[in-house]
N, C-alpha and C. Protein backbone atom coordinates (compact mmCIF):
# COMPACT_ATOMS: atom_id res chain seq x y z
N MET A 1 -2.32 33.63 17.38
CA MET A 1 -3.38 33.20 18.26
C MET A 1 -4.60 32.79 17.42
N VAL A 2 -5.08 31.60 17.65
CA VAL A 2 -6.28 31.09 16.98
C VAL A 2 -7.44 31.27 17.95
N LYS A 3 -8.50 31.90 17.47
CA LYS A 3 -9.63 32.25 18.33
C LYS A 3 -10.60 31.08 18.53
N LYS A 4 -11.25 31.08 19.67
CA LYS A 4 -12.29 30.11 19.99
C LYS A 4 -13.32 30.08 18.86
N SER A 5 -13.86 28.90 18.58
CA SER A 5 -14.88 28.65 17.54
C SER A 5 -14.33 28.58 16.13
N THR A 6 -13.01 28.72 15.95
CA THR A 6 -12.40 28.58 14.63
C THR A 6 -12.38 27.10 14.26
N TRP A 7 -12.62 26.80 12.98
CA TRP A 7 -12.53 25.44 12.45
C TRP A 7 -11.06 25.07 12.37
N VAL A 8 -10.65 23.98 13.03
CA VAL A 8 -9.22 23.65 13.14
C VAL A 8 -8.99 22.17 12.90
N LEU A 9 -7.72 21.81 12.75
CA LEU A 9 -7.27 20.43 12.63
C LEU A 9 -6.40 20.12 13.84
N ILE A 10 -6.69 18.97 14.49
CA ILE A 10 -5.88 18.53 15.62
C ILE A 10 -5.34 17.13 15.37
N HIS A 11 -4.37 16.73 16.18
CA HIS A 11 -3.74 15.41 16.07
C HIS A 11 -3.44 14.88 17.47
N ARG A 12 -3.59 13.57 17.63
CA ARG A 12 -3.14 12.91 18.85
C ARG A 12 -2.89 11.44 18.57
N ASN A 13 -2.04 10.83 19.40
CA ASN A 13 -1.82 9.39 19.34
C ASN A 13 -2.87 8.73 20.23
N VAL A 14 -3.66 7.85 19.64
CA VAL A 14 -4.69 7.13 20.38
C VAL A 14 -4.07 5.97 21.14
N LEU A 15 -3.19 5.22 20.47
CA LEU A 15 -2.49 4.10 21.08
C LEU A 15 -1.01 4.17 20.71
N GLU A 16 -0.16 3.93 21.68
CA GLU A 16 1.27 3.83 21.40
C GLU A 16 1.55 2.43 20.86
N PRO A 17 2.69 2.21 20.18
CA PRO A 17 2.98 0.89 19.62
C PRO A 17 2.86 -0.24 20.65
N SER A 18 3.28 0.01 21.87
CA SER A 18 3.23 -1.03 22.91
C SER A 18 1.80 -1.37 23.32
N GLU A 19 0.85 -0.52 22.98
CA GLU A 19 -0.55 -0.74 23.36
C GLU A 19 -1.37 -1.40 22.24
N ARG A 20 -0.76 -1.60 21.08
CA ARG A 20 -1.47 -2.18 19.95
C ARG A 20 -1.78 -3.64 20.22
N VAL A 21 -2.92 -4.13 19.73
CA VAL A 21 -3.29 -5.53 19.94
C VAL A 21 -2.39 -6.45 19.12
N PRO A 22 -2.21 -7.69 19.57
CA PRO A 22 -1.29 -8.58 18.87
C PRO A 22 -1.78 -9.01 17.48
N GLN A 23 -3.06 -8.84 17.17
CA GLN A 23 -3.60 -9.29 15.89
C GLN A 23 -3.20 -8.40 14.70
N VAL A 24 -2.74 -7.19 14.96
CA VAL A 24 -2.42 -6.31 13.84
C VAL A 24 -1.13 -6.77 13.17
N PRO A 25 -0.96 -6.47 11.88
CA PRO A 25 0.26 -6.86 11.16
C PRO A 25 1.51 -6.28 11.83
N ASP A 26 2.63 -6.96 11.63
CA ASP A 26 3.88 -6.57 12.28
C ASP A 26 4.28 -5.13 11.99
N ASP A 27 4.13 -4.69 10.73
CA ASP A 27 4.52 -3.31 10.41
C ASP A 27 3.60 -2.31 11.10
N THR A 28 2.34 -2.67 11.32
CA THR A 28 1.40 -1.80 12.00
C THR A 28 1.72 -1.70 13.49
N LYS A 29 2.19 -2.78 14.07
CA LYS A 29 2.54 -2.80 15.50
C LYS A 29 3.65 -1.82 15.84
N LYS A 30 4.45 -1.45 14.85
CA LYS A 30 5.62 -0.61 15.10
C LYS A 30 5.30 0.87 15.20
N VAL A 31 4.08 1.26 14.85
CA VAL A 31 3.73 2.69 14.83
C VAL A 31 2.51 2.94 15.70
N PRO A 32 2.35 4.16 16.21
CA PRO A 32 1.17 4.46 17.01
C PRO A 32 -0.09 4.53 16.14
N LEU A 33 -1.23 4.33 16.77
CA LEU A 33 -2.51 4.58 16.12
C LEU A 33 -2.79 6.06 16.30
N GLU A 34 -2.88 6.79 15.19
CA GLU A 34 -2.98 8.24 15.24
C GLU A 34 -4.37 8.71 14.83
N LEU A 35 -4.77 9.86 15.36
CA LEU A 35 -6.05 10.48 15.04
C LEU A 35 -5.81 11.90 14.57
N TRP A 36 -6.33 12.22 13.42
CA TRP A 36 -6.41 13.59 12.94
C TRP A 36 -7.88 13.89 12.80
N THR A 37 -8.33 14.98 13.37
CA THR A 37 -9.74 15.32 13.22
C THR A 37 -9.89 16.83 13.19
N LYS A 38 -11.01 17.25 12.65
CA LYS A 38 -11.32 18.67 12.55
C LYS A 38 -12.49 18.98 13.46
N GLY A 39 -12.53 20.20 13.93
CA GLY A 39 -13.62 20.63 14.79
C GLY A 39 -13.50 22.10 15.13
N TYR A 40 -14.45 22.54 15.95
CA TYR A 40 -14.49 23.93 16.39
C TYR A 40 -13.71 24.07 17.68
N LEU A 41 -12.72 24.93 17.66
CA LEU A 41 -11.85 25.15 18.81
C LEU A 41 -12.67 25.65 19.99
N GLN A 42 -12.44 25.08 21.16
CA GLN A 42 -13.24 25.41 22.34
C GLN A 42 -12.61 26.49 23.22
N GLU A 43 -11.39 26.91 22.89
CA GLU A 43 -10.73 27.98 23.63
C GLU A 43 -9.66 28.61 22.74
N ASP A 44 -9.33 29.87 22.97
CA ASP A 44 -8.24 30.50 22.23
C ASP A 44 -6.96 29.69 22.47
N ALA A 45 -6.14 29.55 21.42
CA ALA A 45 -4.91 28.76 21.54
C ALA A 45 -3.93 29.13 20.45
N ASN A 46 -2.71 28.64 20.61
CA ASN A 46 -1.66 28.80 19.60
C ASN A 46 -1.40 27.45 18.95
N ILE A 47 -0.89 27.48 17.73
CA ILE A 47 -0.50 26.26 17.05
C ILE A 47 0.50 25.53 17.94
N GLY A 48 0.29 24.22 18.12
CA GLY A 48 1.16 23.42 18.98
C GLY A 48 0.61 23.21 20.38
N ASP A 49 -0.41 23.98 20.76
CA ASP A 49 -1.02 23.81 22.08
C ASP A 49 -1.92 22.58 22.11
N GLU A 50 -2.08 22.01 23.29
CA GLU A 50 -3.07 20.95 23.50
C GLU A 50 -4.42 21.63 23.65
N VAL A 51 -5.39 21.20 22.83
CA VAL A 51 -6.69 21.88 22.79
C VAL A 51 -7.83 20.87 22.78
N THR A 52 -9.03 21.40 22.90
CA THR A 52 -10.26 20.63 22.80
C THR A 52 -11.06 21.20 21.64
N VAL A 53 -11.66 20.29 20.85
CA VAL A 53 -12.52 20.72 19.74
C VAL A 53 -13.87 20.00 19.84
N LEU A 54 -14.87 20.63 19.26
CA LEU A 54 -16.19 20.03 19.11
C LEU A 54 -16.34 19.68 17.64
N THR A 55 -16.46 18.37 17.34
CA THR A 55 -16.54 17.93 15.94
C THR A 55 -17.94 18.18 15.40
N ARG A 56 -18.11 17.99 14.11
CA ARG A 56 -19.43 18.17 13.49
C ARG A 56 -20.44 17.14 13.98
N THR A 57 -19.96 16.01 14.49
CA THR A 57 -20.86 15.00 15.04
C THR A 57 -21.04 15.18 16.55
N LYS A 58 -20.64 16.35 17.05
CA LYS A 58 -20.83 16.74 18.46
C LYS A 58 -19.98 15.95 19.44
N ARG A 59 -18.88 15.35 18.95
CA ARG A 59 -17.94 14.69 19.85
C ARG A 59 -16.93 15.73 20.35
N ILE A 60 -16.49 15.56 21.57
CA ILE A 60 -15.41 16.38 22.10
C ILE A 60 -14.12 15.57 21.94
N GLU A 61 -13.13 16.15 21.29
CA GLU A 61 -11.83 15.49 21.10
C GLU A 61 -10.73 16.43 21.57
N LYS A 62 -9.65 15.84 22.08
CA LYS A 62 -8.48 16.60 22.52
C LYS A 62 -7.30 16.22 21.67
N GLY A 63 -6.40 17.16 21.45
CA GLY A 63 -5.21 16.90 20.67
C GLY A 63 -4.36 18.15 20.52
N THR A 64 -3.31 18.02 19.75
CA THR A 64 -2.40 19.13 19.47
C THR A 64 -2.93 19.93 18.28
N LEU A 65 -3.05 21.23 18.45
CA LEU A 65 -3.54 22.10 17.39
C LEU A 65 -2.50 22.19 16.28
N LEU A 66 -2.90 21.75 15.08
CA LEU A 66 -1.98 21.76 13.93
C LEU A 66 -2.22 22.92 12.99
N GLU A 67 -3.49 23.25 12.77
CA GLU A 67 -3.79 24.20 11.69
C GLU A 67 -5.16 24.84 11.92
N ALA A 68 -5.26 26.11 11.60
CA ALA A 68 -6.54 26.81 11.62
C ALA A 68 -7.09 26.87 10.20
N ALA A 69 -8.40 26.74 10.07
CA ALA A 69 -9.08 26.79 8.78
C ALA A 69 -8.43 25.83 7.78
N PRO A 70 -8.34 24.53 8.11
CA PRO A 70 -7.68 23.58 7.21
C PRO A 70 -8.45 23.40 5.91
N TYR A 71 -7.73 23.08 4.87
CA TYR A 71 -8.34 22.83 3.56
C TYR A 71 -7.55 21.74 2.85
N TYR A 72 -8.19 21.16 1.83
CA TYR A 72 -7.54 20.10 1.07
C TYR A 72 -6.44 20.69 0.20
N LYS A 73 -5.27 20.08 0.24
CA LYS A 73 -4.12 20.59 -0.51
C LYS A 73 -3.68 19.65 -1.63
N HIS A 74 -4.41 18.56 -1.83
CA HIS A 74 -4.02 17.62 -2.87
C HIS A 74 -4.62 18.03 -4.21
N ASP A 75 -4.08 17.49 -5.26
CA ASP A 75 -4.66 17.69 -6.58
C ASP A 75 -4.46 16.40 -7.38
N PHE A 76 -4.83 16.42 -8.62
CA PHE A 76 -4.72 15.22 -9.45
C PHE A 76 -3.54 15.29 -10.40
N GLY A 77 -2.57 16.15 -10.07
CA GLY A 77 -1.36 16.22 -10.86
C GLY A 77 -1.47 17.17 -12.05
N LYS A 78 -0.44 17.18 -12.84
CA LYS A 78 -0.37 18.06 -14.00
C LYS A 78 -1.25 17.53 -15.14
N PHE A 79 -1.59 18.43 -16.03
CA PHE A 79 -2.39 18.10 -17.20
C PHE A 79 -1.68 17.03 -18.03
N VAL A 80 -2.46 16.03 -18.46
CA VAL A 80 -1.92 14.94 -19.29
C VAL A 80 -2.68 14.98 -20.62
N PRO A 81 -2.06 15.50 -21.69
CA PRO A 81 -2.78 15.67 -22.96
C PRO A 81 -3.33 14.37 -23.53
N GLU A 82 -2.67 13.25 -23.26
CA GLU A 82 -3.14 11.97 -23.78
C GLU A 82 -4.54 11.62 -23.26
N LEU A 83 -4.90 12.13 -22.08
CA LEU A 83 -6.21 11.83 -21.52
C LEU A 83 -7.34 12.46 -22.34
N ILE A 84 -7.08 13.59 -22.96
CA ILE A 84 -8.09 14.21 -23.84
C ILE A 84 -8.35 13.29 -25.03
N THR A 85 -7.28 12.78 -25.63
CA THR A 85 -7.41 11.87 -26.77
C THR A 85 -8.15 10.60 -26.36
N ILE A 86 -7.79 10.04 -25.22
CA ILE A 86 -8.46 8.84 -24.74
C ILE A 86 -9.93 9.11 -24.49
N SER A 87 -10.25 10.25 -23.89
CA SER A 87 -11.65 10.61 -23.63
C SER A 87 -12.45 10.67 -24.93
N GLU A 88 -11.88 11.29 -25.95
CA GLU A 88 -12.56 11.37 -27.25
C GLU A 88 -12.75 9.99 -27.87
N GLN A 89 -11.75 9.14 -27.74
CA GLN A 89 -11.85 7.78 -28.28
C GLN A 89 -12.93 6.98 -27.56
N VAL A 90 -13.00 7.11 -26.24
CA VAL A 90 -14.00 6.38 -25.47
C VAL A 90 -15.41 6.86 -25.85
N LYS A 91 -15.60 8.16 -25.98
CA LYS A 91 -16.91 8.69 -26.37
C LYS A 91 -17.31 8.19 -27.75
N GLU A 92 -16.37 8.12 -28.63
CA GLU A 92 -16.65 7.64 -29.99
C GLU A 92 -17.06 6.17 -29.95
N ILE A 93 -16.35 5.37 -29.18
CA ILE A 93 -16.65 3.94 -29.09
C ILE A 93 -18.00 3.71 -28.42
N LEU A 94 -18.27 4.40 -27.33
CA LEU A 94 -19.47 4.15 -26.54
C LEU A 94 -20.72 4.86 -27.07
N PHE A 95 -20.55 6.07 -27.52
CA PHE A 95 -21.72 6.90 -27.83
C PHE A 95 -21.77 7.40 -29.25
N GLY A 96 -20.82 7.04 -30.06
CA GLY A 96 -20.82 7.54 -31.44
C GLY A 96 -20.26 8.93 -31.59
N GLY A 97 -19.47 9.39 -30.62
CA GLY A 97 -18.81 10.68 -30.75
C GLY A 97 -19.30 11.72 -29.78
N ALA A 98 -18.65 12.88 -29.80
CA ALA A 98 -18.95 13.97 -28.87
C ALA A 98 -20.33 14.58 -29.13
N ASP A 99 -20.86 14.45 -30.33
CA ASP A 99 -22.17 15.04 -30.65
C ASP A 99 -23.32 14.31 -29.96
N ASN A 100 -23.07 13.10 -29.44
CA ASN A 100 -24.13 12.32 -28.80
C ASN A 100 -24.03 12.29 -27.28
N GLU A 101 -23.46 13.34 -26.68
CA GLU A 101 -23.30 13.38 -25.22
C GLU A 101 -24.63 13.55 -24.54
């Protein structure tokens, strides 16, 4: 159970493929226009329930509750040792080395 006022992530389809305007590219026409947004849950709910949230810009949005307390899960990948060498070379070329930072 996710409690009211929890920061959450919701999802809903804004437009189905059949409702898309004819000007969009063909590959875009084949998929729905989707909305993912975060906000404060307006009522206690379970993941998967249809809920209402209040966004930080004070909009009320409705959608399916996906996640409570969402956070960024991406990163920039594994360490690449060559980038350290490149960084040192660039500093040397531009600034005369690491001592002139």
